[in-house]
Structures are given as structure tokens and as C-alpha cells.
PDB file of N, CA and C in Angstrom:
ATOM      1  N   MET A   1       0.820  -1.190   0.000  1.00  0.00           N
ATOM      2  CA  MET A   1       0.000   0.000   0.000  1.00  0.00           C
ATOM      3  C   MET A   1       0.864   1.254   0.000  1.00  0.00           C
ATOM      4  N   ARG A   2       1.962   1.234   0.709  1.00  0.00           N
ATOM      5  CA  ARG A   2       2.830   2.391   0.792  1.00  0.00           C
ATOM      6  C   ARG A   2       3.445   2.721  -0.570  1.00  0.00           C
ATOM      7  N   LEU A   3       3.834   1.695  -1.340  1.00  0.00           N
ATOM      8  CA  LEU A   3       4.400   1.904  -2.671  1.00  0.00           C
ATOM      9  C   LEU A   3       3.380   2.563  -3.588  1.00  0.00           C
ATOM     10  N   LYS A   4       2.126   2.178  -3.480  1.00  0.00           N
ATOM     11  CA  LYS A   4       1.077   2.773  -4.300  1.00  0.00           C
ATOM     12  C   LYS A   4       0.951   4.266  -3.999  1.00  0.00           C
ATOM     13  N   ASN A   5       1.033   4.645  -2.732  1.00  0.00           N
ATOM     14  CA  ASN A   5       0.956   6.059  -2.358  1.00  0.00           C
ATOM     15  C   ASN A   5       2.133   6.842  -2.923  1.00  0.00           C
ATOM     16  N   VAL A   6       3.322   6.262  -2.843  1.00  0.00           N
ATOM     17  CA  VAL A   6       4.515   6.933  -3.365  1.00  0.00           C
ATOM     18  C   VAL A   6       4.393   7.130  -4.878  1.00  0.00           C
ATOM     19  N   LEU A   7       3.929   6.105  -5.581  1.00  0.00           N
ATOM     20  CA  LEU A   7       3.766   6.211  -7.025  1.00  0.00           C
ATOM     21  C   LEU A   7       2.697   7.226  -7.402  1.00  0.00           C
ATOM     22  N   THR A   8       1.631   7.304  -6.634  1.00  0.00           N
ATOM     23  CA  THR A   8       0.581   8.284  -6.891  1.00  0.00           C
ATOM     24  C   THR A   8       1.113   9.698  -6.722  1.00  0.00           C
ATOM     25  N   VAL A   9       1.843   9.927  -5.649  1.00  0.00           N
ATOM     26  CA  VAL A   9       2.420  11.258  -5.411  1.00  0.00           C
ATOM     27  C   VAL A   9       3.405  11.612  -6.524  1.00  0.00           C
ATOM     28  N   ALA A  10       4.213  10.658  -6.949  1.00  0.00           N
ATOM     29  CA  ALA A  10       5.175  10.903  -8.026  1.00  0.00           C
ATOM     30  C   ALA A  10       4.459  11.241  -9.334  1.00  0.00           C
ATOM     31  N   ALA A  11       3.375  10.548  -9.623  1.00  0.00           N
ATOM     32  CA  ALA A  11       2.628  10.814 -10.850  1.00  0.00           C
ATOM     33  C   ALA A  11       1.987  12.203 -10.818  1.00  0.00           C
ATOM     34  N   VAL A  12       1.433  12.583  -9.689  1.00  0.00           N
ATOM     35  CA  VAL A  12       0.827  13.911  -9.556  1.00  0.00           C
ATOM     36  C   VAL A  12       1.896  14.990  -9.697  1.00  0.00           C
ATOM     37  N   ALA A  13       3.037  14.805  -9.057  1.00  0.00           N
ATOM     38  CA  ALA A  13       4.128  15.785  -9.154  1.00  0.00           C
ATOM     39  C   ALA A  13       4.605  15.922 -10.594  1.00  0.00           C
ATOM     40  N   ALA A  14       4.746  14.825 -11.288  1.00  0.00           N
ATOM     41  CA  ALA A  14       5.179  14.875 -12.688  1.00  0.00           C
ATOM     42  C   ALA A  14       4.155  15.620 -13.542  1.00  0.00           C
ATOM     43  N   GLY A  15       2.887  15.377 -13.291  1.00  0.00           N
ATOM     44  CA  GLY A  15       1.841  16.080 -14.032  1.00  0.00           C
ATOM     45  C   GLY A  15       1.870  17.571 -13.793  1.00  0.00           C
ATOM     46  N   LEU A  16       2.105  17.975 -12.557  1.00  0.00           N
ATOM     47  CA  LEU A  16       2.188  19.402 -12.253  1.00  0.00           C
ATOM     48  C   LEU A  16       3.397  20.043 -12.910  1.00  0.00           C
ATOM     49  N   LEU A  17       4.498  19.345 -12.943  1.00  0.00           N
ATOM     50  CA  LEU A  17       5.688  19.875 -13.613  1.00  0.00           C
ATOM     51  C   LEU A  17       5.446  20.054 -15.101  1.00  0.00           C
ATOM     52  N   ILE A  18       4.787  19.099 -15.713  1.00  0.00           N
ATOM     53  CA  ILE A  18       4.490  19.202 -17.140  1.00  0.00           C
ATOM     54  C   ILE A  18       3.524  20.351 -17.396  1.00  0.00           C
ATOM     55  N   ALA A  19       2.499  20.488 -16.571  1.00  0.00           N
ATOM     56  CA  ALA A  19       1.535  21.579 -16.740  1.00  0.00           C
ATOM     57  C   ALA A  19       2.201  22.927 -16.527  1.00  0.00           C
ATOM     58  N   GLY A  20       3.074  23.033 -15.544  1.00  0.00           N
ATOM     59  CA  GLY A  20       3.782  24.287 -15.293  1.00  0.00           C
ATOM     60  C   GLY A  20       4.738  24.633 -16.401  1.00  0.00           C
ATOM     61  N   ALA A  21       5.312  23.640 -17.049  1.00  0.00           N
ATOM     62  CA  ALA A  21       6.261  23.883 -18.124  1.00  0.00           C
ATOM     63  C   ALA A  21       5.581  24.352 -19.399  1.00  0.00           C
ATOM     64  N   SER A  22       4.273  24.168 -19.505  1.00  0.00           N
ATOM     65  CA  SER A  22       3.600  24.554 -20.738  1.00  0.00           C
ATOM     66  C   SER A  22       3.688  26.052 -20.977  1.00  0.00           C
ATOM     67  N   PHE A  23       3.788  26.868 -19.932  1.00  0.00           N
ATOM     68  CA  PHE A  23       3.921  28.303 -20.107  1.00  0.00           C
ATOM     69  C   PHE A  23       5.352  28.710 -20.400  1.00  0.00           C
ATOM     70  N   ALA A  24       6.293  27.782 -20.298  1.00  0.00           N
ATOM     71  CA  ALA A  24       7.691  28.104 -20.519  1.00  0.00           C
ATOM     72  C   ALA A  24       8.080  28.047 -21.986  1.00  0.00           C
ATOM     73  N   ASP A  25       7.170  27.637 -22.855  1.00  0.00           N
ATOM     74  CA  ASP A  25       7.487  27.558 -24.277  1.00  0.00           C
ATOM     75  C   ASP A  25       7.531  28.947 -24.891  1.00  0.00           C
ATOM     76  N   ALA A  26       8.475  29.137 -25.800  1.00  0.00           N
ATOM     77  CA  ALA A  26       8.574  30.411 -26.505  1.00  0.00           C
ATOM     78  C   ALA A  26       7.361  30.594 -27.418  1.00  0.00           C
ATOM     79  N   PRO A  27       6.978  31.837 -27.666  1.00  0.00           N
ATOM     80  CA  PRO A  27       5.838  32.095 -28.544  1.00  0.00           C
ATOM     81  C   PRO A  27       6.200  31.808 -30.004  1.00  0.00           C
ATOM     82  N   PRO A  28       5.204  31.801 -30.886  1.00  0.00           N
ATOM     83  CA  PRO A  28       5.472  31.579 -32.311  1.00  0.00           C
ATOM     84  C   PRO A  28       6.425  32.643 -32.871  1.00  0.00           C
ATOM     85  N   TYR A  29       7.161  32.273 -33.903  1.00  0.00           N
ATOM     86  CA  TYR A  29       8.094  33.196 -34.548  1.00  0.00           C
ATOM     87  C   TYR A  29       7.370  34.466 -34.987  1.00  0.00           C
ATOM     88  N   GLY A  30       7.988  35.607 -34.739  1.00  0.00           N
ATOM     89  CA  GLY A  30       7.405  36.887 -35.141  1.00  0.00           C
ATOM     90  C   GLY A  30       6.508  37.519 -34.097  1.00  0.00           C
ATOM     91  N   THR A  31       6.434  36.923 -32.903  1.00  0.00           N
ATOM     92  CA  THR A  31       5.638  37.510 -31.825  1.00  0.00           C
ATOM     93  C   THR A  31       6.460  37.582 -30.548  1.00  0.00           C
ATOM     94  N   GLU A  32       6.040  38.463 -29.660  1.00  0.00           N
ATOM     95  CA  GLU A  32       6.592  38.469 -28.307  1.00  0.00           C
ATOM     96  C   GLU A  32       5.449  38.160 -27.362  1.00  0.00           C
ATOM     97  N   GLN A  33       5.782  37.599 -26.212  1.00  0.00           N
ATOM     98  CA  GLN A  33       4.755  37.130 -25.285  1.00  0.00           C
ATOM     99  C   GLN A  33       5.013  37.666 -23.893  1.00  0.00           C
ATOM    100  N   PHE A  34       3.939  38.039 -23.214  1.00  0.00           N
ATOM    101  CA  PHE A  34       3.982  38.506 -21.836  1.00  0.00           C
ATOM    102  C   PHE A  34       3.149  37.566 -20.985  1.00  0.00           C
ATOM    103  N   GLU A  35       3.721  37.027 -19.929  1.00  0.00           N
ATOM    104  CA  GLU A  35       3.012  36.207 -18.957  1.00  0.00           C
ATOM    105  C   GLU A  35       3.106  36.962 -17.633  1.00  0.00           C
ATOM    106  N   GLU A  36       1.979  37.461 -17.143  1.00  0.00           N
ATOM    107  CA  GLU A  36       1.971  38.280 -15.935  1.00  0.00           C
ATOM    108  C   GLU A  36       1.148  37.604 -14.849  1.00  0.00           C
ATOM    109  N   TRP A  37       1.696  37.551 -13.627  1.00  0.00           N
ATOM    110  CA  TRP A  37       1.021  36.950 -12.478  1.00  0.00           C
ATOM    111  C   TRP A  37       0.595  38.054 -11.521  1.00  0.00           C
ATOM    112  N   PHE A  38      -0.661  37.954 -11.038  1.00  0.00           N
ATOM    113  CA  PHE A  38      -1.235  38.946 -10.136  1.00  0.00           C
ATOM    114  C   PHE A  38      -1.701  38.268  -8.858  1.00  0.00           C
ATOM    115  N   ASP A  39      -1.571  38.976  -7.727  1.00  0.00           N
ATOM    116  CA  ASP A  39      -2.051  38.439  -6.459  1.00  0.00           C
ATOM    117  C   ASP A  39      -3.551  38.683  -6.320  1.00  0.00           C
ATOM    118  N   ALA A  40      -4.126  38.309  -5.188  1.00  0.00           N
ATOM    119  CA  ALA A  40      -5.571  38.436  -4.958  1.00  0.00           C
ATOM    120  C   ALA A  40      -6.038  39.889  -4.986  1.00  0.00           C
ATOM    121  N   ASN A  41      -5.133  40.841  -4.726  1.00  0.00           N
ATOM    122  CA  ASN A  41      -5.479  42.259  -4.746  1.00  0.00           C
ATOM    123  C   ASN A  41      -5.291  42.890  -6.118  1.00  0.00           C
ATOM    124  N   GLY A  42      -4.874  42.106  -7.104  1.00  0.00           N
ATOM    125  CA  GLY A  42      -4.679  42.625  -8.449  1.00  0.00           C
ATOM    126  C   GLY A  42      -3.324  43.261  -8.688  1.00  0.00           C
ATOM    127  N   GLN A  43      -2.415  43.109  -7.736  1.00  0.00           N
ATOM    128  CA  GLN A  43      -1.082  43.675  -7.882  1.00  0.00           C
ATOM    129  C   GLN A  43      -0.189  42.724  -8.668  1.00  0.00           C
ATOM    130  N   LEU A  44       0.609  43.265  -9.585  1.00  0.00           N
ATOM    131  CA  LEU A  44       1.556  42.465 -10.344  1.00  0.00           C
ATOM    132  C   LEU A  44       2.618  41.925  -9.399  1.00  0.00           C
ATOM    133  N   VAL A  45       2.811  40.598  -9.392  1.00  0.00           N
ATOM    134  CA  VAL A  45       3.797  39.984  -8.505  1.00  0.00           C
ATOM    135  C   VAL A  45       4.915  39.292  -9.278  1.00  0.00           C
ATOM    136  N   GLY A  46       4.765  39.141 -10.595  1.00  0.00           N
ATOM    137  CA  GLY A  46       5.813  38.522 -11.387  1.00  0.00           C
ATOM    138  C   GLY A  46       5.455  38.488 -12.849  1.00  0.00           C
ATOM    139  N   TYR A  47       6.469  38.299 -13.680  1.00  0.00           N
ATOM    140  CA  TYR A  47       6.216  38.186 -15.110  1.00  0.00           C
ATOM    141  C   TYR A  47       7.313  37.399 -15.802  1.00  0.00           C
ATOM    142  N   VAL A  48       6.990  36.923 -16.988  1.00  0.00           N
ATOM    143  CA  VAL A  48       7.944  36.353 -17.932  1.00  0.00           C
ATOM    144  C   VAL A  48       7.681  37.071 -19.244  1.00  0.00           C
ATOM    145  N   HIS A  49       8.729  37.595 -19.851  1.00  0.00           N
ATOM    146  CA  HIS A  49       8.604  38.287 -21.134  1.00  0.00           C
ATOM    147  C   HIS A  49       9.506  37.593 -22.135  1.00  0.00           C
ATOM    148  N   TRP A  50       8.900  37.049 -23.186  1.00  0.00           N
ATOM    149  CA  TRP A  50       9.661  36.472 -24.294  1.00  0.00           C
ATOM    150  C   TRP A  50       9.819  37.581 -25.316  1.00  0.00           C
ATOM    151  N   THR A  51      11.054  38.016 -25.563  1.00  0.00           N
ATOM    152  CA  THR A  51      11.304  39.118 -26.469  1.00  0.00           C
ATOM    153  C   THR A  51      11.245  38.658 -27.928  1.00  0.00           C
ATOM    154  N   CYS A  52      11.239  39.625 -28.826  1.00  0.00           N
ATOM    155  CA  CYS A  52      11.182  39.311 -30.257  1.00  0.00           C
ATOM    156  C   CYS A  52      12.409  38.542 -30.733  1.00  0.00           C
ATOM    157  N   ASP A  53      13.538  38.708 -30.049  1.00  0.00           N
ATOM    158  CA  ASP A  53      14.743  37.983 -30.457  1.00  0.00           C
ATOM    159  C   ASP A  53      14.916  36.668 -29.687  1.00  0.00           C
ATOM    160  N   GLY A  54      13.864  36.225 -28.976  1.00  0.00           N
ATOM    161  CA  GLY A  54      13.873  34.916 -28.340  1.00  0.00           C
ATOM    162  C   GLY A  54      14.427  34.867 -26.929  1.00  0.00           C
ATOM    163  N   ARG A  55      14.810  36.019 -26.359  1.00  0.00           N
ATOM    164  CA  ARG A  55      15.288  36.025 -24.976  1.00  0.00           C
ATOM    165  C   ARG A  55      14.109  35.919 -24.017  1.00  0.00           C
ATOM    166  N   ARG A  56      14.381  35.371 -22.849  1.00  0.00           N
ATOM    167  CA  ARG A  56      13.358  35.207 -21.812  1.00  0.00           C
ATOM    168  C   ARG A  56      13.773  36.045 -20.613  1.00  0.00           C
ATOM    169  N   GLU A  57      12.967  37.047 -20.263  1.00  0.00           N
ATOM    170  CA  GLU A  57      13.233  37.915 -19.119  1.00  0.00           C
ATOM    171  C   GLU A  57      12.194  37.609 -18.045  1.00  0.00           C
ATOM    172  N   THR A  58      12.637  37.460 -16.796  1.00  0.00           N
ATOM    173  CA  THR A  58      11.711  37.139 -15.710  1.00  0.00           C
ATOM    174  C   THR A  58      11.903  38.088 -14.541  1.00  0.00           C
ATOM    175  N   TRP A  59      10.859  38.203 -13.741  1.00  0.00           N
ATOM    176  CA  TRP A  59      10.914  38.995 -12.514  1.00  0.00           C
ATOM    177  C   TRP A  59       9.849  38.474 -11.560  1.00  0.00           C
ATOM    178  N   GLY A  60      10.153  38.447 -10.290  1.00  0.00           N
ATOM    179  CA  GLY A  60       9.168  38.166  -9.250  1.00  0.00           C
ATOM    180  C   GLY A  60       8.706  36.728  -9.158  1.00  0.00           C
ATOM    181  N   SER A  61       7.496  36.583  -8.633  1.00  0.00           N
ATOM    182  CA  SER A  61       6.909  35.281  -8.334  1.00  0.00           C
ATOM    183  C   SER A  61       5.992  34.844  -9.473  1.00  0.00           C
ATOM    184  N   ARG A  62       6.013  33.560  -9.761  1.00  0.00           N
ATOM    185  CA  ARG A  62       5.106  33.021 -10.765  1.00  0.00           C
ATOM    186  C   ARG A  62       4.025  32.213 -10.063  1.00  0.00           C
ATOM    187  N   SER A  63       3.204  32.918  -9.299  1.00  0.00           N
ATOM    188  CA  SER A  63       2.065  32.286  -8.637  1.00  0.00           C
ATOM    189  C   SER A  63       0.940  33.304  -8.571  1.00  0.00           C
ATOM    190  N   GLY A  64      -0.279  32.823  -8.519  1.00  0.00           N
ATOM    191  CA  GLY A  64      -1.442  33.692  -8.510  1.00  0.00           C
ATOM    192  C   GLY A  64      -2.182  33.602  -9.834  1.00  0.00           C
ATOM    193  N   ARG A  65      -2.926  34.649 -10.159  1.00  0.00           N
ATOM    194  CA  ARG A  65      -3.710  34.687 -11.405  1.00  0.00           C
ATOM    195  C   ARG A  65      -2.780  35.034 -12.561  1.00  0.00           C
ATOM    196  N   LEU A  66      -2.847  34.257 -13.626  1.00  0.00           N
ATOM    197  CA  LEU A  66      -1.976  34.426 -14.782  1.00  0.00           C
ATOM    198  C   LEU A  66      -2.740  35.043 -15.941  1.00  0.00           C
ATOM    199  N   GLU A  67      -2.131  36.044 -16.578  1.00  0.00           N
ATOM    200  CA  GLU A  67      -2.648  36.615 -17.820  1.00  0.00           C
ATOM    201  C   GLU A  67      -1.546  36.514 -18.855  1.00  0.00           C
ATOM    202  N   VAL A  68      -1.878  35.962 -20.016  1.00  0.00           N
ATOM    203  CA  VAL A  68      -0.911  35.799 -21.104  1.00  0.00           C
ATOM    204  C   VAL A  68      -1.368  36.619 -22.281  1.00  0.00           C
ATOM    205  N   SER A  69      -0.454  37.400 -22.851  1.00  0.00           N
ATOM    206  CA  SER A  69      -0.765  38.161 -24.054  1.00  0.00           C
ATOM    207  C   SER A  69       0.387  38.062 -25.036  1.00  0.00           C
ATOM    208  N   GLN A  70       0.060  38.180 -26.305  1.00  0.00           N
ATOM    209  CA  GLN A  70       1.062  38.161 -27.361  1.00  0.00           C
ATOM    210  C   GLN A  70       0.803  39.333 -28.286  1.00  0.00           C
ATOM    211  N   ARG A  71       1.876  39.793 -28.920  1.00  0.00           N
ATOM    212  CA  ARG A  71       1.722  40.802 -29.944  1.00  0.00           C
ATOM    213  C   ARG A  71       2.773  40.588 -31.019  1.00  0.00           C
ATOM    214  N   ALA A  72       2.478  41.068 -32.205  1.00  0.00           N
ATOM    215  CA  ALA A  72       3.415  40.899 -33.314  1.00  0.00           C
ATOM    216  C   ALA A  72       4.634  41.774 -33.094  1.00  0.00           C
ATOM    217  N   CYS A  73       5.774  41.261 -33.490  1.00  0.00           N
ATOM    218  CA  CYS A  73       7.010  42.034 -33.409  1.00  0.00           C
ATOM    219  C   CYS A  73       7.039  43.042 -34.557  1.00  0.00           C
ATOM    220  N   PRO A  74       7.628  44.211 -34.317  1.00  0.00           N
ATOM    221  CA  PRO A  74       7.718  45.191 -35.408  1.00  0.00           C
ATOM    222  C   PRO A  74       8.625  44.667 -36.522  1.00  0.00           C
ATOM    223  N   GLU A  75       8.327  45.067 -37.733  1.00  0.00           N
ATOM    224  CA  GLU A  75       9.165  44.688 -38.873  1.00  0.00           C
ATOM    225  C   GLU A  75      10.507  45.406 -38.757  1.00  0.00           C
ATOM    226  N   PRO A  76      11.616  44.690 -39.056  1.00  0.00           N
ATOM    227  CA  PRO A  76      12.935  45.354 -38.971  1.00  0.00           C
ATOM    228  C   PRO A  76      13.148  46.369 -40.052  1.00  0.00           C
TER     229      PRO A  76
END
């Protein structure tokens, strides 16, 4: 019975890691992406910004309510 519990916890943890990693993918070519996390009071607590040249900039905490937006990169 104990092994079953350990395997269940491991499976749940793996699923959460996979779900959390889905936001870590870069946006489609030609766009930049903003992932912003807000606390219960609506204050920005963290973000991930994928730049037009493919860099990933982060700040703060990635927990709370998530809003994701994308926009086209300007033509060079």
C-alpha cells in the first residue's frame, strides 16, 4: 500500500511539472509574449517576457492569477 501512495504522489508531481512547463514555451516566430502573475489584490507579482529575439526575461513570483498576451514584433 505504501508503494502505491509513493507512485501516486510521483505521478501527480510529474503532471504538475508538465503543466507548469507549458507556459515556458517560446511564442510563435514573429511575436513576443507577456506572462503576468497577479495576487488576490490585483497587484503584479511577477512576469515572464519572451522578447522578439527569443530572450526570456523574468521577474518576481510566478504564482497567482496568470494573464498571457502576445503581440506581433515590429518589422525590422
